[in-house]
Amino acid sequence: MYFRNQVIGEYFADILVEEKIVLELKAVKTLLPEHQAQLINYLNASHLNAGLLINFAKKGLEIKRAYSR
């Protein structure tokens, strides 16, 4: 992970697709704004542009897209 262009630690994505898309997996009753903020922070820190927040706790999958700035 980077902060102001300096390495500050390591982050291991739940799933990284072709080193381009971060998949953040959850199993919660409802996705909260904090979950989306967490994914966006991971994208910004890893210098990646796109991510998916996937919730497995509902009957069908709940999926939200996120993009870094």
PDB file of N, CA and C in Angstrom:
ATOM      1  N   MET A   1       0.842  -1.169   0.000  1.00  0.00           N
ATOM      2  CA  MET A   1       0.000   0.000   0.000  1.00  0.00           C
ATOM      3  C   MET A   1       0.887   1.231   0.000  1.00  0.00           C
ATOM      4  N   TYR A   2       0.362   2.285  -0.595  1.00  0.00           N
ATOM      5  CA  TYR A   2       1.113   3.524  -0.723  1.00  0.00           C
ATOM      6  C   TYR A   2       0.378   4.668  -0.037  1.00  0.00           C
ATOM      7  N   PHE A   3       1.145   5.606   0.461  1.00  0.00           N
ATOM      8  CA  PHE A   3       0.620   6.856   0.978  1.00  0.00           C
ATOM      9  C   PHE A   3       1.588   7.933   0.546  1.00  0.00           C
ATOM     10  N   ARG A   4       1.078   8.903  -0.210  1.00  0.00           N
ATOM     11  CA  ARG A   4       1.937   9.967  -0.753  1.00  0.00           C
ATOM     12  C   ARG A   4       3.152   9.392  -1.471  1.00  0.00           C
ATOM     13  N   ASN A   5       2.884   8.402  -2.301  1.00  0.00           N
ATOM     14  CA  ASN A   5       3.882   7.742  -3.144  1.00  0.00           C
ATOM     15  C   ASN A   5       4.971   7.006  -2.382  1.00  0.00           C
ATOM     16  N   GLN A   6       4.746   6.679  -1.131  1.00  0.00           N
ATOM     17  CA  GLN A   6       5.685   5.878  -0.353  1.00  0.00           C
ATOM     18  C   GLN A   6       4.988   4.610   0.116  1.00  0.00           C
ATOM     19  N   VAL A   7       5.717   3.505   0.072  1.00  0.00           N
ATOM     20  CA  VAL A   7       5.167   2.238   0.550  1.00  0.00           C
ATOM     21  C   VAL A   7       5.011   2.315   2.066  1.00  0.00           C
ATOM     22  N   ILE A   8       3.788   1.991   2.560  1.00  0.00           N
ATOM     23  CA  ILE A   8       3.555   2.050   4.003  1.00  0.00           C
ATOM     24  C   ILE A   8       3.164   0.698   4.586  1.00  0.00           C
ATOM     25  N   GLY A   9       2.972  -0.298   3.743  1.00  0.00           N
ATOM     26  CA  GLY A   9       2.605  -1.616   4.250  1.00  0.00           C
ATOM     27  C   GLY A   9       2.100  -2.504   3.140  1.00  0.00           C
ATOM     28  N   GLU A  10       1.581  -3.647   3.536  1.00  0.00           N
ATOM     29  CA  GLU A  10       1.072  -4.603   2.571  1.00  0.00           C
ATOM     30  C   GLU A  10      -0.424  -4.771   2.760  1.00  0.00           C
ATOM     31  N   TYR A  11      -1.102  -4.991   1.665  1.00  0.00           N
ATOM     32  CA  TYR A  11      -2.528  -5.287   1.683  1.00  0.00           C
ATOM     33  C   TYR A  11      -2.744  -6.473   0.757  1.00  0.00           C
ATOM     34  N   PHE A  12      -3.462  -7.452   1.218  1.00  0.00           N
ATOM     35  CA  PHE A  12      -3.767  -8.614   0.408  1.00  0.00           C
ATOM     36  C   PHE A  12      -5.259  -8.615   0.119  1.00  0.00           C
ATOM     37  N   ALA A  13      -5.590  -8.354  -1.129  1.00  0.00           N
ATOM     38  CA  ALA A  13      -6.990  -8.305  -1.545  1.00  0.00           C
ATOM     39  C   ALA A  13      -7.626  -9.671  -1.361  1.00  0.00           C
ATOM     40  N   ASP A  14      -8.946  -9.675  -1.118  1.00  0.00           N
ATOM     41  CA  ASP A  14      -9.650 -10.952  -1.064  1.00  0.00           C
ATOM     42  C   ASP A  14      -9.419 -11.690  -2.378  1.00  0.00           C
ATOM     43  N   ILE A  15      -9.666 -11.010  -3.486  1.00  0.00           N
ATOM     44  CA  ILE A  15      -9.368 -11.554  -4.813  1.00  0.00           C
ATOM     45  C   ILE A  15      -8.914 -10.398  -5.693  1.00  0.00           C
ATOM     46  N   LEU A  16      -7.858 -10.610  -6.445  1.00  0.00           N
ATOM     47  CA  LEU A  16      -7.348  -9.626  -7.385  1.00  0.00           C
ATOM     48  C   LEU A  16      -7.445 -10.244  -8.776  1.00  0.00           C
ATOM     49  N   VAL A  17      -8.196  -9.603  -9.669  1.00  0.00           N
ATOM     50  CA  VAL A  17      -8.432 -10.134 -11.012  1.00  0.00           C
ATOM     51  C   VAL A  17      -7.461  -9.468 -11.987  1.00  0.00           C
ATOM     52  N   GLU A  18      -6.555 -10.272 -12.526  1.00  0.00           N
ATOM     53  CA  GLU A  18      -5.567  -9.830 -13.514  1.00  0.00           C
ATOM     54  C   GLU A  18      -4.844  -8.551 -13.100  1.00  0.00           C
ATOM     55  N   GLU A  19      -4.618  -8.401 -11.810  1.00  0.00           N
ATOM     56  CA  GLU A  19      -3.924  -7.248 -11.243  1.00  0.00           C
ATOM     57  C   GLU A  19      -4.564  -5.925 -11.659  1.00  0.00           C
ATOM     58  N   LYS A  20      -5.902  -5.953 -11.868  1.00  0.00           N
ATOM     59  CA  LYS A  20      -6.621  -4.754 -12.287  1.00  0.00           C
ATOM     60  C   LYS A  20      -7.853  -4.458 -11.457  1.00  0.00           C
ATOM     61  N   ILE A  21      -8.537  -5.497 -10.988  1.00  0.00           N
ATOM     62  CA  ILE A  21      -9.809  -5.316 -10.292  1.00  0.00           C
ATOM     63  C   ILE A  21      -9.748  -5.987  -8.924  1.00  0.00           C
ATOM     64  N   VAL A  22     -10.086  -5.242  -7.879  1.00  0.00           N
ATOM     65  CA  VAL A  22     -10.127  -5.771  -6.527  1.00  0.00           C
ATOM     66  C   VAL A  22     -11.539  -6.270  -6.238  1.00  0.00           C
ATOM     67  N   LEU A  23     -11.650  -7.498  -5.760  1.00  0.00           N
ATOM     68  CA  LEU A  23     -12.938  -8.018  -5.288  1.00  0.00           C
ATOM     69  C   LEU A  23     -12.877  -8.065  -3.773  1.00  0.00           C
ATOM     70  N   GLU A  24     -13.766  -7.335  -3.135  1.00  0.00           N
ATOM     71  CA  GLU A  24     -13.852  -7.326  -1.673  1.00  0.00           C
ATOM     72  C   GLU A  24     -15.097  -8.120  -1.301  1.00  0.00           C
ATOM     73  N   LEU A  25     -14.908  -9.223  -0.607  1.00  0.00           N
ATOM     74  CA  LEU A  25     -15.999 -10.140  -0.293  1.00  0.00           C
ATOM     75  C   LEU A  25     -16.515  -9.903   1.117  1.00  0.00           C
ATOM     76  N   LYS A  26     -17.840  -9.901   1.253  1.00  0.00           N
ATOM     77  CA  LYS A  26     -18.485  -9.722   2.549  1.00  0.00           C
ATOM     78  C   LYS A  26     -19.581 -10.764   2.704  1.00  0.00           C
ATOM     79  N   ALA A  27     -19.944 -11.026   3.929  1.00  0.00           N
ATOM     80  CA  ALA A  27     -21.094 -11.871   4.258  1.00  0.00           C
ATOM     81  C   ALA A  27     -21.825 -11.184   5.401  1.00  0.00           C
ATOM     82  N   VAL A  28     -22.510 -10.103   5.068  1.00  0.00           N
ATOM     83  CA  VAL A  28     -23.193  -9.273   6.062  1.00  0.00           C
ATOM     84  C   VAL A  28     -24.653  -9.095   5.662  1.00  0.00           C
ATOM     85  N   LYS A  29     -25.493  -8.761   6.641  1.00  0.00           N
ATOM     86  CA  LYS A  29     -26.921  -8.583   6.376  1.00  0.00           C
ATOM     87  C   LYS A  29     -27.151  -7.496   5.323  1.00  0.00           C
ATOM     88  N   THR A  30     -26.450  -6.389   5.458  1.00  0.00           N
ATOM     89  CA  THR A  30     -26.582  -5.260   4.537  1.00  0.00           C
ATOM     90  C   THR A  30     -25.225  -4.598   4.336  1.00  0.00           C
ATOM     91  N   LEU A  31     -24.920  -4.283   3.099  1.00  0.00           N
ATOM     92  CA  LEU A  31     -23.700  -3.522   2.835  1.00  0.00           C
ATOM     93  C   LEU A  31     -23.899  -2.093   3.334  1.00  0.00           C
ATOM     94  N   LEU A  32     -22.917  -1.590   4.022  1.00  0.00           N
ATOM     95  CA  LEU A  32     -22.965  -0.249   4.594  1.00  0.00           C
ATOM     96  C   LEU A  32     -22.016   0.677   3.837  1.00  0.00           C
ATOM     97  N   PRO A  33     -22.203   1.980   3.968  1.00  0.00           N
ATOM     98  CA  PRO A  33     -21.278   2.925   3.328  1.00  0.00           C
ATOM     99  C   PRO A  33     -19.823   2.689   3.749  1.00  0.00           C
ATOM    100  N   GLU A  34     -19.622   2.193   4.959  1.00  0.00           N
ATOM    101  CA  GLU A  34     -18.250   1.910   5.431  1.00  0.00           C
ATOM    102  C   GLU A  34     -17.588   0.818   4.601  1.00  0.00           C
ATOM    103  N   HIS A  35     -18.363  -0.147   4.147  1.00  0.00           N
ATOM    104  CA  HIS A  35     -17.800  -1.209   3.312  1.00  0.00           C
ATOM    105  C   HIS A  35     -17.323  -0.644   1.973  1.00  0.00           C
ATOM    106  N   GLN A  36     -18.134   0.224   1.383  1.00  0.00           N
ATOM    107  CA  GLN A  36     -17.747   0.845   0.117  1.00  0.00           C
ATOM    108  C   GLN A  36     -16.537   1.750   0.325  1.00  0.00           C
ATOM    109  N   ALA A  37     -16.504   2.500   1.419  1.00  0.00           N
ATOM    110  CA  ALA A  37     -15.359   3.365   1.715  1.00  0.00           C
ATOM    111  C   ALA A  37     -14.087   2.539   1.881  1.00  0.00           C
ATOM    112  N   GLN A  38     -14.198   1.374   2.513  1.00  0.00           N
ATOM    113  CA  GLN A  38     -13.049   0.488   2.682  1.00  0.00           C
ATOM    114  C   GLN A  38     -12.500   0.070   1.316  1.00  0.00           C
ATOM    115  N   LEU A  39     -13.377  -0.314   0.406  1.00  0.00           N
ATOM    116  CA  LEU A  39     -12.945  -0.723  -0.929  1.00  0.00           C
ATOM    117  C   LEU A  39     -12.287   0.438  -1.666  1.00  0.00           C
ATOM    118  N   ILE A  40     -12.872   1.610  -1.589  1.00  0.00           N
ATOM    119  CA  ILE A  40     -12.283   2.774  -2.260  1.00  0.00           C
ATOM    120  C   ILE A  40     -10.916   3.099  -1.676  1.00  0.00           C
ATOM    121  N   ASN A  41     -10.766   2.983  -0.363  1.00  0.00           N
ATOM    122  CA  ASN A  41      -9.456   3.203   0.252  1.00  0.00           C
ATOM    123  C   ASN A  41      -8.441   2.183  -0.252  1.00  0.00           C
ATOM    124  N   TYR A  42      -8.849   0.919  -0.374  1.00  0.00           N
ATOM    125  CA  TYR A  42      -7.954  -0.103  -0.912  1.00  0.00           C
ATOM    126  C   TYR A  42      -7.548   0.227  -2.344  1.00  0.00           C
ATOM    127  N   LEU A  43      -8.499   0.695  -3.152  1.00  0.00           N
ATOM    128  CA  LEU A  43      -8.184   1.053  -4.536  1.00  0.00           C
ATOM    129  C   LEU A  43      -7.191   2.205  -4.586  1.00  0.00           C
ATOM    130  N   ASN A  44      -7.441   3.236  -3.815  1.00  0.00           N
ATOM    131  CA  ASN A  44      -6.539   4.387  -3.810  1.00  0.00           C
ATOM    132  C   ASN A  44      -5.145   4.008  -3.320  1.00  0.00           C
ATOM    133  N   ALA A  45      -5.073   3.220  -2.280  1.00  0.00           N
ATOM    134  CA  ALA A  45      -3.778   2.844  -1.704  1.00  0.00           C
ATOM    135  C   ALA A  45      -3.005   1.904  -2.610  1.00  0.00           C
ATOM    136  N   SER A  46      -3.698   1.093  -3.395  1.00  0.00           N
ATOM    137  CA  SER A  46      -3.024   0.122  -4.251  1.00  0.00           C
ATOM    138  C   SER A  46      -2.812   0.640  -5.669  1.00  0.00           C
ATOM    139  N   HIS A  47      -3.281   1.844  -5.947  1.00  0.00           N
ATOM    140  CA  HIS A  47      -3.158   2.451  -7.276  1.00  0.00           C
ATOM    141  C   HIS A  47      -3.912   1.660  -8.343  1.00  0.00           C
ATOM    142  N   LEU A  48      -4.973   0.968  -7.948  1.00  0.00           N
ATOM    143  CA  LEU A  48      -5.843   0.284  -8.902  1.00  0.00           C
ATOM    144  C   LEU A  48      -7.087   1.132  -9.117  1.00  0.00           C
ATOM    145  N   ASN A  49      -7.773   0.899 -10.240  1.00  0.00           N
ATOM    146  CA  ASN A  49      -8.876   1.785 -10.609  1.00  0.00           C
ATOM    147  C   ASN A  49     -10.268   1.254 -10.341  1.00  0.00           C
ATOM    148  N   ALA A  50     -10.439  -0.067 -10.300  1.00  0.00           N
ATOM    149  CA  ALA A  50     -11.798  -0.605 -10.230  1.00  0.00           C
ATOM    150  C   ALA A  50     -11.902  -1.713  -9.200  1.00  0.00           C
ATOM    151  N   GLY A  51     -13.082  -1.792  -8.584  1.00  0.00           N
ATOM    152  CA  GLY A  51     -13.309  -2.851  -7.608  1.00  0.00           C
ATOM    153  C   GLY A  51     -14.778  -3.212  -7.521  1.00  0.00           C
ATOM    154  N   LEU A  52     -15.027  -4.408  -7.021  1.00  0.00           N
ATOM    155  CA  LEU A  52     -16.385  -4.875  -6.786  1.00  0.00           C
ATOM    156  C   LEU A  52     -16.510  -5.281  -5.329  1.00  0.00           C
ATOM    157  N   LEU A  53     -17.585  -4.839  -4.713  1.00  0.00           N
ATOM    158  CA  LEU A  53     -17.920  -5.203  -3.352  1.00  0.00           C
ATOM    159  C   LEU A  53     -19.042  -6.234  -3.465  1.00  0.00           C
ATOM    160  N   ILE A  54     -18.787  -7.445  -3.002  1.00  0.00           N
ATOM    161  CA  ILE A  54     -19.738  -8.542  -3.193  1.00  0.00           C
ATOM    162  C   ILE A  54     -20.181  -9.075  -1.844  1.00  0.00           C
ATOM    163  N   ASN A  55     -21.506  -9.080  -1.639  1.00  0.00           N
ATOM    164  CA  ASN A  55     -22.087  -9.568  -0.400  1.00  0.00           C
ATOM    165  C   ASN A  55     -22.775 -10.907  -0.661  1.00  0.00           C
ATOM    166  N   PHE A  56     -22.342 -11.941   0.049  1.00  0.00           N
ATOM    167  CA  PHE A  56     -22.869 -13.286  -0.122  1.00  0.00           C
ATOM    168  C   PHE A  56     -23.972 -13.638   0.865  1.00  0.00           C
ATOM    169  N   ALA A  57     -24.325 -12.746   1.777  1.00  0.00           N
ATOM    170  CA  ALA A  57     -25.247 -13.100   2.857  1.00  0.00           C
ATOM    171  C   ALA A  57     -26.718 -13.104   2.431  1.00  0.00           C
ATOM    172  N   LYS A  58     -27.034 -12.444   1.342  1.00  0.00           N
ATOM    173  CA  LYS A  58     -28.434 -12.413   0.896  1.00  0.00           C
ATOM    174  C   LYS A  58     -28.708 -13.611  -0.007  1.00  0.00           C
ATOM    175  N   LYS A  59     -29.989 -13.849  -0.308  1.00  0.00           N
ATOM    176  CA  LYS A  59     -30.344 -14.975  -1.180  1.00  0.00           C
ATOM    177  C   LYS A  59     -29.649 -14.867  -2.528  1.00  0.00           C
ATOM    178  N   GLY A  60     -29.711 -13.709  -3.127  1.00  0.00           N
ATOM    179  CA  GLY A  60     -28.970 -13.442  -4.353  1.00  0.00           C
ATOM    180  C   GLY A  60     -27.740 -12.622  -3.995  1.00  0.00           C
ATOM    181  N   LEU A  61     -26.776 -12.583  -4.867  1.00  0.00           N
ATOM    182  CA  LEU A  61     -25.590 -11.771  -4.603  1.00  0.00           C
ATOM    183  C   LEU A  61     -25.947 -10.292  -4.648  1.00  0.00           C
ATOM    184  N   GLU A  62     -25.333  -9.532  -3.764  1.00  0.00           N
ATOM    185  CA  GLU A  62     -25.438  -8.079  -3.797  1.00  0.00           C
ATOM    186  C   GLU A  62     -24.078  -7.568  -4.239  1.00  0.00           C
ATOM    187  N   ILE A  63     -24.041  -6.835  -5.346  1.00  0.00           N
ATOM    188  CA  ILE A  63     -22.773  -6.389  -5.916  1.00  0.00           C
ATOM    189  C   ILE A  63     -22.820  -4.886  -6.128  1.00  0.00           C
ATOM    190  N   LYS A  64     -21.747  -4.216  -5.706  1.00  0.00           N
ATOM    191  CA  LYS A  64     -21.606  -2.777  -5.939  1.00  0.00           C
ATOM    192  C   LYS A  64     -20.254  -2.520  -6.575  1.00  0.00           C
ATOM    193  N   ARG A  65     -20.239  -1.631  -7.542  1.00  0.00           N
ATOM    194  CA  ARG A  65     -18.994  -1.241  -8.197  1.00  0.00           C
ATOM    195  C   ARG A  65     -18.394  -0.026  -7.508  1.00  0.00           C
ATOM    196  N   ALA A  66     -17.071   0.060  -7.567  1.00  0.00           N
ATOM    197  CA  ALA A  66     -16.380   1.228  -7.029  1.00  0.00           C
ATOM    198  C   ALA A  66     -15.199   1.548  -7.936  1.00  0.00           C
ATOM    199  N   TYR A  67     -14.897   2.836  -8.023  1.00  0.00           N
ATOM    200  CA  TYR A  67     -13.776   3.297  -8.838  1.00  0.00           C
ATOM    201  C   TYR A  67     -12.945   4.256  -8.008  1.00  0.00           C
ATOM    202  N   SER A  68     -11.645   4.215  -8.209  1.00  0.00           N
ATOM    203  CA  SER A  68     -10.785   5.165  -7.504  1.00  0.00           C
ATOM    204  C   SER A  68     -10.822   6.494  -8.240  1.00  0.00           C
ATOM    205  N   ARG A  69     -10.393   7.509  -7.565  1.00  0.00           N
ATOM    206  CA  ARG A  69     -10.429   8.859  -8.157  1.00  0.00           C
ATOM    207  C   ARG A  69      -9.197   9.163  -8.918  1.00  0.00           C
TER     208      ARG A  69
END
